[in-house]
C-alpha atoms as a PDB file:
ATOM      1  CA  MET A   1      34.493 -19.463   5.281  1.00  0.00           C
ATOM      2  CA  MET A   2      30.847 -19.993   3.782  1.00  0.00           C
ATOM      3  CA  PRO A   3      30.199 -19.036  -0.026  1.00  0.00           C
ATOM      4  CA  LYS A   4      28.515 -15.777  -0.594  1.00  0.00           C
ATOM      5  CA  ARG A   5      24.572 -16.425  -1.458  1.00  0.00           C
ATOM      6  CA  LYS A   6      23.685 -15.246  -4.864  1.00  0.00           C
ATOM      7  CA  ALA A   7      21.449 -12.328  -4.712  1.00  0.00           C
ATOM      8  CA  LYS A   8      17.729 -13.069  -5.755  1.00  0.00           C
ATOM      9  CA  THR A   9      17.106 -11.557  -9.227  1.00  0.00           C
ATOM     10  CA  SER A  10      13.964  -9.608  -9.859  1.00  0.00           C
ATOM     11  CA  ALA A  11      11.942 -12.262 -11.283  1.00  0.00           C
ATOM     12  CA  GLN A  12      12.689 -14.114  -8.092  1.00  0.00           C
ATOM     13  CA  LEU A  13      11.754 -11.193  -5.880  1.00  0.00           C
ATOM     14  CA  LYS A  14       8.516 -10.505  -7.855  1.00  0.00           C
ATOM     15  CA  LYS A  15       7.431 -14.059  -7.338  1.00  0.00           C
ATOM     16  CA  GLN A  16       8.175 -13.743  -3.561  1.00  0.00           C
ATOM     17  CA  ALA A  17       6.311 -10.521  -3.440  1.00  0.00           C
ATOM     18  CA  LEU A  18       3.218 -11.833  -5.435  1.00  0.00           C
ATOM     19  CA  ILE A  19       3.232 -14.920  -2.892  1.00  0.00           C
ATOM     20  CA  LEU A  20       3.393 -12.459   0.209  1.00  0.00           C
ATOM     21  CA  ALA A  21       0.669 -10.238  -1.361  1.00  0.00           C
ATOM     22  CA  GLN A  22      -1.683 -13.071  -1.947  1.00  0.00           C
ATOM     23  CA  LYS A  23      -1.322 -14.716   1.808  1.00  0.00           C
ATOM     24  CA  LEU A  24      -1.756 -10.795   3.052  1.00  0.00           C
ATOM     25  CA  ALA A  25      -4.905 -10.626   1.245  1.00  0.00           C
ATOM     26  CA  ARG A  26      -6.170 -14.075   2.906  1.00  0.00           C
ATOM     27  CA  ILE A  27      -5.048 -13.452   6.417  1.00  0.00           C
ATOM     28  CA  ALA A  28      -6.132  -9.811   6.584  1.00  0.00           C
ATOM     29  CA  ALA A  29      -9.859 -10.834   5.438  1.00  0.00           C
ATOM     30  CA  ALA A  30      -9.675 -13.635   8.158  1.00  0.00           C
ATOM     31  CA  ASP A  31     -12.065 -13.466  10.946  1.00  0.00           C
ATOM     32  CA  GLN A  32     -11.030 -13.950  14.849  1.00  0.00           C
ATOM     33  CA  TYR A  33     -10.820 -17.773  14.103  1.00  0.00           C
ATOM     34  CA  GLY A  34      -8.782 -17.719  10.660  1.00  0.00           C
ATOM     35  CA  ASN A  35     -11.553 -17.957   8.622  1.00  0.00           C
ATOM     36  CA  VAL A  36     -12.189 -16.437   5.493  1.00  0.00           C
ATOM     37  CA  SER A  37     -14.918 -16.413   2.667  1.00  0.00           C
ATOM     38  CA  CYS A  38     -14.025 -16.566  -0.757  1.00  0.00           C
ATOM     39  CA  VAL A  39     -15.543 -13.540  -2.632  1.00  0.00           C
ATOM     40  CA  THR A  40     -17.034 -15.011  -5.609  1.00  0.00           C
ATOM     41  CA  CYS A  41     -18.753 -18.454  -4.218  1.00  0.00           C
ATOM     42  CA  GLY A  42     -18.896 -17.618  -0.502  1.00  0.00           C
ATOM     43  CA  THR A  43     -17.303 -20.872   0.437  1.00  0.00           C
ATOM     44  CA  THR A  44     -15.679 -20.479   4.111  1.00  0.00           C
ATOM     45  CA  ARG A  45     -12.138 -22.145   5.047  1.00  0.00           C
ATOM     46  CA  HIS A  46      -9.212 -21.382   7.081  1.00  0.00           C
ATOM     47  CA  TYR A  47      -7.184 -18.928   5.166  1.00  0.00           C
ATOM     48  CA  ALA A  48      -4.438 -21.540   4.801  1.00  0.00           C
ATOM     49  CA  ASP A  49      -6.788 -24.086   3.607  1.00  0.00           C
ATOM     50  CA  ARG A  50      -7.213 -24.261  -0.122  1.00  0.00           C
ATOM     51  CA  MET A  51      -7.925 -20.662  -0.090  1.00  0.00           C
ATOM     52  CA  HIS A  52      -5.778 -18.341  -2.504  1.00  0.00           C
ATOM     53  CA  GLY A  53      -5.440 -14.421  -2.848  1.00  0.00           C
ATOM     54  CA  GLY A  54      -7.087 -14.205  -6.297  1.00  0.00           C
ATOM     55  CA  HIS A  55      -6.327 -11.101  -8.567  1.00  0.00           C
ATOM     56  CA  PHE A  56      -9.340  -9.266  -9.990  1.00  0.00           C
ATOM     57  CA  ILE A  57      -7.513  -7.847 -12.680  1.00  0.00           C
ATOM     58  CA  PRO A  58      -5.150 -11.252 -13.333  1.00  0.00           C
ATOM     59  CA  LYS A  59      -1.486 -10.390 -12.350  1.00  0.00           C
ATOM     60  CA  SER A  60      -0.339 -11.651 -15.726  1.00  0.00           C
ATOM     61  CA  ARG A  61      -2.139  -8.543 -17.200  1.00  0.00           C
ATOM     62  CA  SER A  62      -1.283  -5.671 -15.160  1.00  0.00           C
ATOM     63  CA  SER A  63       1.854  -5.080 -13.445  1.00  0.00           C
ATOM     64  CA  LYS A  64       0.228  -1.793 -11.888  1.00  0.00           C
ATOM     65  CA  TYR A  65      -2.344  -3.708  -9.794  1.00  0.00           C
ATOM     66  CA  CYS A  66      -0.426  -7.095  -9.029  1.00  0.00           C
ATOM     67  CA  PHE A  67       0.299  -6.284  -5.529  1.00  0.00           C
ATOM     68  CA  GLU A  68      -2.409  -3.933  -4.720  1.00  0.00           C
ATOM     69  CA  ALA A  69      -4.908  -4.868  -2.077  1.00  0.00           C
ATOM     70  CA  GLU A  70      -7.694  -3.482  -3.698  1.00  0.00           C
ATOM     71  CA  ASN A  71      -7.109  -6.048  -6.414  1.00  0.00           C
ATOM     72  CA  ILE A  72      -6.301  -9.418  -4.220  1.00  0.00           C
ATOM     73  CA  HIS A  73      -9.083 -11.044  -2.319  1.00  0.00           C
ATOM     74  CA  PRO A  74      -9.731 -14.212  -0.835  1.00  0.00           C
ATOM     75  CA  GLN A  75     -10.842 -16.979  -3.221  1.00  0.00           C
ATOM     76  CA  CYS A  76     -11.401 -20.428  -2.771  1.00  0.00           C
ATOM     77  CA  SER A  77      -8.858 -22.646  -4.987  1.00  0.00           C
ATOM     78  CA  GLU A  78     -11.785 -24.130  -7.101  1.00  0.00           C
ATOM     79  CA  CYS A  79     -12.922 -20.252  -8.243  1.00  0.00           C
ATOM     80  CA  ASN A  80      -9.276 -18.868  -8.407  1.00  0.00           C
ATOM     81  CA  LEU A  81      -7.923 -21.781 -10.821  1.00  0.00           C
ATOM     82  CA  PHE A  82     -11.115 -23.001 -12.752  1.00  0.00           C
ATOM     83  CA  ARG A  83     -14.256 -20.899 -12.495  1.00  0.00           C
ATOM     84  CA  MET A  84     -12.431 -17.429 -13.175  1.00  0.00           C
ATOM     85  CA  GLY A  85     -11.997 -18.719 -16.581  1.00  0.00           C
ATOM     86  CA  HIS A  86     -14.719 -21.382 -17.264  1.00  0.00           C
ATOM     87  CA  GLY A  87     -17.461 -20.328 -14.989  1.00  0.00           C
ATOM     88  CA  THR A  88     -19.349 -17.471 -13.526  1.00  0.00           C
ATOM     89  CA  ALA A  89     -16.624 -16.398 -10.932  1.00  0.00           C
ATOM     90  CA  SER A  90     -15.446 -13.537 -12.959  1.00  0.00           C
ATOM     91  CA  PHE A  91     -18.770 -12.105 -13.040  1.00  0.00           C
ATOM     92  CA  ALA A  92     -19.207 -12.742  -9.348  1.00  0.00           C
ATOM     93  CA  TYR A  93     -15.674 -11.176  -8.610  1.00  0.00           C
ATOM     94  CA  THR A  94     -16.833  -7.930 -10.741  1.00  0.00           C
ATOM     95  CA  LEU A  95     -19.996  -7.542  -8.733  1.00  0.00           C
ATOM     96  CA  PHE A  96     -18.145  -7.969  -5.617  1.00  0.00           C
ATOM     97  CA  MET A  97     -15.608  -5.474  -6.618  1.00  0.00           C
ATOM     98  CA  GLU A  98     -18.304  -2.494  -7.644  1.00  0.00           C
ATOM     99  CA  ASP A  99     -20.151  -3.558  -4.212  1.00  0.00           C
ATOM    100  CA  MET A 100     -16.506  -2.922  -2.372  1.00  0.00           C
ATOM    101  CA  TYR A 101     -15.260  -0.062  -4.280  1.00  0.00           C
ATOM    102  CA  GLY A 102     -18.126   1.213  -6.361  1.00  0.00           C
ATOM    103  CA  ARG A 103     -18.449   0.911 -10.315  1.00  0.00           C
ATOM    104  CA  ASP A 104     -16.397   4.012 -11.054  1.00  0.00           C
ATOM    105  CA  ALA A 105     -13.164   2.786  -9.162  1.00  0.00           C
ATOM    106  CA  VAL A 106     -13.603  -0.626 -10.753  1.00  0.00           C
ATOM    107  CA  GLN A 107     -13.624   0.953 -14.315  1.00  0.00           C
ATOM    108  CA  GLU A 108     -10.613   3.248 -13.441  1.00  0.00           C
ATOM    109  CA  MET A 109      -8.692  -0.024 -12.545  1.00  0.00           C
ATOM    110  CA  LEU A 110      -9.959  -1.732 -15.816  1.00  0.00           C
ATOM    111  CA  ASP A 111      -8.943   1.508 -17.910  1.00  0.00           C
ATOM    112  CA  THR A 112      -5.732   1.975 -16.163  1.00  0.00           C
ATOM    113  CA  ALA A 113      -4.473  -1.874 -15.748  1.00  0.00           C
ATOM    114  CA  ASN A 114      -2.324  -1.999 -18.719  1.00  0.00           C
ATOM    115  CA  GLN A 115      -0.082   0.907 -17.731  1.00  0.00           C
ATOM    116  CA  PRO A 116       3.517  -0.219 -17.285  1.00  0.00           C
ATOM    117  CA  ILE A 117       5.184  -0.327 -14.132  1.00  0.00           C
ATOM    118  CA  LYS A 118       8.896  -0.440 -14.055  1.00  0.00           C
ATOM    119  CA  ARG A 119      10.258  -2.173 -11.057  1.00  0.00           C
ATOM    120  CA  CYS A 120      13.794  -2.629  -9.864  1.00  0.00           C
ATOM    121  CA  THR A 121      15.002  -5.247  -7.274  1.00  0.00           C
ATOM    122  CA  GLN A 122      15.133  -2.416  -4.772  1.00  0.00           C
ATOM    123  CA  ASP A 123      11.322  -1.935  -5.297  1.00  0.00           C
ATOM    124  CA  TYR A 124      10.586  -5.623  -4.843  1.00  0.00           C
ATOM    125  CA  ARG A 125      12.564  -5.505  -1.776  1.00  0.00           C
ATOM    126  CA  ASP A 126      11.018  -2.777  -0.253  1.00  0.00           C
ATOM    127  CA  ILE A 127       7.340  -4.140  -1.024  1.00  0.00           C
ATOM    128  CA  ILE A 128       8.360  -7.816   0.361  1.00  0.00           C
ATOM    129  CA  ALA A 129       9.535  -5.947   3.626  1.00  0.00           C
ATOM    130  CA  GLU A 130       5.968  -3.932   3.672  1.00  0.00           C
ATOM    131  CA  LEU A 131       4.024  -6.972   2.973  1.00  0.00           C
ATOM    132  CA  LYS A 132       6.049  -9.027   5.850  1.00  0.00           C
ATOM    133  CA  GLU A 133       5.313  -6.432   8.285  1.00  0.00           C
ATOM    134  CA  LYS A 134       1.589  -6.698   7.634  1.00  0.00           C
ATOM    135  CA  ILE A 135       1.353 -10.197   7.649  1.00  0.00           C
ATOM    136  CA  LYS A 136       3.210 -10.332  11.066  1.00  0.00           C
ATOM    137  CA  TYR A 137       0.995  -7.840  12.325  1.00  0.00           C
ATOM    138  CA  HIS A 138      -2.381 -10.272  11.207  1.00  0.00           C
ATOM    139  CA  GLU A 139      -0.579 -13.186  12.435  1.00  0.00           C
ATOM    140  CA  GLU A 140      -0.178 -11.963  15.895  1.00  0.00           C
ATOM    141  CA  ARG A 141      -3.840 -10.863  15.749  1.00  0.00           C
ATOM    142  CA  LEU A 142      -4.917 -14.349  15.111  1.00  0.00           C
ATOM    143  CA  GLN A 143      -2.895 -15.822  17.925  1.00  0.00           C
END
């Protein structure tokens, strides 16, 4: 008899959901060849080649927007890891967001980013299931 698997914790499920949300941001923005452009510097690569799903409002700061598609967009690894904190990428990201959603919508996101959201393990399971379904659609689209 196989031993029972330990149920994943909320923290493990949240981490899995974040990975999927970031993948969805990249694959949903990809063209028919799987290429995607960084929203902050314009570098174009395959969505799986050193491209990240970069958060406009950092996932560490906002539980409200950490899985929201409007907050996650393709970024090259250099912009996401280095230039957001030490370069011009955050300014470029703000301009992209204002062009995409409008200044008022961006300000609303910034104003409400710190509103806490309580999620339970089932919430994360639901988010994961929805993200997997959307990713599957885009993977089939790119075949």
